[in-house]
Amino acid sequence: MLNISVEKKVSKKNALDSSMEKHLASLSKKEIFAGFFEESKYPTDSTRHKGVAVAQVAKWQNDGTIGGNGNIPPRPFMDLAALEIKDSRAFKKALTQPVIKTLTKTGSNTAKLKVANLMKEIIQLQILNFSEPKNSERTIELKGFNDPLIETGRMYDSVKGKVR
């Protein structure tokens, strides 16, 4: 009788391990993204960047350009956001939630979307807070203010968090 009881416990443990592996495998099938996606473009009737993907303008701003797209000094807001996300205590805590939710079968997709939205908010804060290097005098004159990563708000509004 003792042997049967031990076998039942081992069998239940193996079934639980198998179930947990299956749920964790399902977690890895979806990825969490935040940033600029292909559907976000500047309007074709805008004064600048007519029909250009917001992701392209964000890359020009982040990396800087010389020549064809004007001389834009590097404003590494995405690089800074990536560092902040990596070091963020709130982000690290949020990352554990999809695993917990998957293991308990209580909505890992919602937890993943919360992680994506936290990443989105960090990127948006970098856009809002970025101030150096400042805009050129000509750009300040055209925009009417000095905010290097804000002109119309299109880039800020285009940051999205997604789970795929």
Protein backbone atom coordinates (compact mmCIF):
# COMPACT_ATOMS: atom_id res chain seq x y z
CA MET A 1 0.00 0.00 0.00
CA LEU A 2 2.84 2.41 0.72
CA ASN A 3 4.29 1.77 -2.72
CA ILE A 4 0.99 2.61 -4.45
CA SER A 5 0.71 5.85 -2.52
CA VAL A 6 4.28 6.85 -3.45
CA GLU A 7 3.63 5.94 -7.10
CA LYS A 8 0.47 8.06 -7.15
CA LYS A 9 2.37 11.05 -5.73
CA VAL A 10 5.18 10.63 -8.27
CA SER A 11 2.63 10.28 -11.07
CA LYS A 12 0.81 13.46 -9.95
CA LYS A 13 4.13 15.32 -9.70
CA ASN A 14 5.11 14.21 -13.22
CA ALA A 15 1.71 15.29 -14.56
CA LEU A 16 2.10 18.68 -12.83
CA ASP A 17 5.64 19.10 -14.23
CA SER A 18 4.35 18.23 -17.70
CA SER A 19 1.48 20.71 -17.36
CA MET A 20 3.84 23.47 -16.18
CA GLU A 21 6.22 22.80 -19.08
CA LYS A 22 3.31 23.02 -21.52
CA HIS A 23 2.12 26.33 -20.07
CA LEU A 24 5.63 27.79 -20.02
CA ALA A 25 6.13 26.69 -23.63
CA SER A 26 2.93 28.55 -24.57
CA LEU A 27 4.31 31.66 -22.84
CA SER A 28 7.38 31.63 -25.07
CA LYS A 29 5.26 31.58 -28.25
CA LYS A 30 4.25 35.21 -27.81
CA GLU A 31 6.64 38.12 -27.81
CA ILE A 32 6.33 41.53 -26.18
CA PHE A 33 7.17 44.63 -28.22
CA ALA A 34 7.18 48.37 -27.66
CA GLY A 35 8.17 51.09 -30.06
CA PHE A 36 7.15 52.26 -33.50
CA PHE A 37 5.28 49.97 -35.87
CA GLU A 38 4.93 50.05 -39.65
CA GLU A 39 1.35 51.28 -39.63
CA SER A 40 2.42 54.59 -38.04
CA LYS A 41 3.27 57.15 -40.70
CA TYR A 42 3.32 60.91 -40.96
CA PRO A 43 0.38 62.26 -42.97
CA THR A 44 1.03 62.87 -46.65
CA ASP A 45 -0.20 66.46 -46.19
CA SER A 46 2.17 67.25 -43.29
CA THR A 47 4.77 69.97 -43.71
CA ARG A 48 7.62 67.58 -42.89
CA HIS A 49 8.16 63.85 -43.28
CA LYS A 50 5.26 63.46 -45.74
CA GLY A 51 4.16 59.81 -45.60
CA VAL A 52 7.41 58.71 -43.90
CA ALA A 53 7.23 55.93 -41.32
CA VAL A 54 7.42 57.27 -37.78
CA ALA A 55 9.95 54.48 -37.04
CA GLN A 56 12.27 56.00 -39.66
CA VAL A 57 12.04 59.48 -38.16
CA ALA A 58 12.60 58.00 -34.69
CA LYS A 59 15.73 56.24 -36.02
CA TRP A 60 17.02 59.49 -37.55
CA GLN A 61 16.43 61.25 -34.23
CA ASN A 62 17.99 58.47 -32.15
CA ASP A 63 21.08 57.93 -34.33
CA GLY A 64 21.44 61.37 -35.93
CA THR A 65 21.86 62.11 -39.64
CA ILE A 66 24.15 64.06 -41.91
CA GLY A 67 23.13 65.07 -45.41
CA GLY A 68 19.89 64.05 -47.14
CA ASN A 69 17.65 64.32 -44.11
CA GLY A 70 19.40 67.37 -42.76
CA ASN A 71 21.92 67.43 -39.98
CA ILE A 72 20.28 65.94 -36.93
CA PRO A 73 22.53 65.36 -33.95
CA PRO A 74 22.11 62.00 -32.21
CA ARG A 75 19.38 62.08 -29.58
CA PRO A 76 19.57 58.52 -28.24
CA PHE A 77 16.17 58.45 -26.55
CA MET A 78 15.50 54.84 -27.61
CA ASP A 79 18.90 53.73 -26.35
CA LEU A 80 18.21 55.48 -23.03
CA ALA A 81 14.74 53.94 -22.85
CA ALA A 82 16.22 50.47 -23.42
CA LEU A 83 18.68 51.03 -20.56
CA GLU A 84 15.93 52.33 -18.31
CA ILE A 85 13.69 49.38 -19.14
CA LYS A 86 16.53 46.96 -18.41
CA ASP A 87 17.30 48.58 -15.04
CA SER A 88 13.74 49.38 -13.99
CA ARG A 89 12.60 47.66 -10.80
CA ALA A 90 8.97 48.03 -11.92
CA PHE A 91 9.79 46.39 -15.27
CA LYS A 92 11.58 43.47 -13.61
CA LYS A 93 8.59 42.96 -11.33
CA ALA A 94 6.18 43.19 -14.26
CA LEU A 95 8.17 40.56 -16.18
CA THR A 96 7.45 37.95 -13.52
CA GLN A 97 3.69 38.40 -13.90
CA PRO A 98 3.26 36.60 -17.26
CA VAL A 99 5.11 33.57 -15.86
CA ILE A 100 2.98 33.52 -12.71
CA LYS A 101 -0.22 34.06 -14.70
CA THR A 102 0.75 31.28 -17.13
CA LEU A 103 1.51 28.83 -14.36
CA THR A 104 -1.75 29.62 -12.60
CA LYS A 105 -3.71 29.79 -15.88
CA THR A 106 -5.11 33.24 -15.04
CA GLY A 107 -4.50 35.50 -18.01
CA SER A 108 -0.89 35.69 -19.10
CA ASN A 109 -1.84 37.76 -22.18
CA THR A 110 -3.12 40.59 -19.97
CA ALA A 111 0.09 40.43 -17.93
CA LYS A 112 2.19 40.54 -21.12
CA LEU A 113 0.23 43.54 -22.38
CA LYS A 114 0.95 45.32 -19.08
CA VAL A 115 4.68 44.71 -19.66
CA ALA A 116 4.40 46.07 -23.22
CA ASN A 117 2.54 49.16 -21.97
CA LEU A 118 5.15 49.78 -19.28
CA MET A 119 7.84 49.69 -22.00
CA LYS A 120 5.74 52.10 -24.10
CA GLU A 121 5.43 54.53 -21.18
CA ILE A 122 9.19 54.51 -20.59
CA ILE A 123 9.84 55.33 -24.26
CA GLN A 124 7.25 58.13 -24.15
CA LEU A 125 8.85 59.58 -21.02
CA GLN A 126 12.21 59.63 -22.79
CA ILE A 127 10.63 61.55 -25.69
CA LEU A 128 9.08 64.07 -23.30
CA ASN A 129 12.16 64.52 -21.12
CA PHE A 130 14.86 64.57 -23.80
CA SER A 131 16.37 68.04 -24.02
CA GLU A 132 20.03 67.85 -25.15
CA PRO A 133 21.20 68.52 -27.73
CA LYS A 134 18.67 71.26 -28.25
CA ASN A 135 17.14 72.15 -31.60
CA SER A 136 19.02 74.42 -33.95
CA GLU A 137 18.02 78.08 -33.95
CA ARG A 138 16.37 77.56 -37.37
CA THR A 139 14.30 74.61 -36.07
CA ILE A 140 13.28 76.55 -32.98
CA GLU A 141 12.18 79.39 -35.25
CA LEU A 142 10.12 77.00 -37.44
CA LYS A 143 8.55 75.10 -34.52
CA GLY A 144 8.17 78.08 -32.23
CA PHE A 145 9.73 76.22 -29.29
CA ASN A 146 12.73 74.11 -28.35
CA ASP A 147 11.72 70.53 -27.68
CA PRO A 148 14.02 68.27 -29.69
CA LEU A 149 11.73 65.25 -29.98
CA ILE A 150 8.36 67.00 -30.07
CA GLU A 151 6.94 68.95 -32.97
CA THR A 152 3.44 67.71 -33.70
CA GLY A 153 3.28 64.91 -31.13
CA ARG A 154 3.05 62.28 -33.90
CA MET A 155 6.15 60.36 -32.73
CA TYR A 156 5.04 60.41 -29.07
CA ASP A 157 1.51 59.28 -29.97
CA SER A 158 2.85 56.53 -32.25
CA VAL A 159 4.65 54.61 -29.52
CA LYS A 160 2.74 51.39 -28.96
CA GLY A 161 3.07 48.28 -26.85
CA LYS A 162 2.05 44.97 -28.44
CA VAL A 163 2.00 41.27 -27.78
CA ARG A 164 2.36 38.99 -30.79
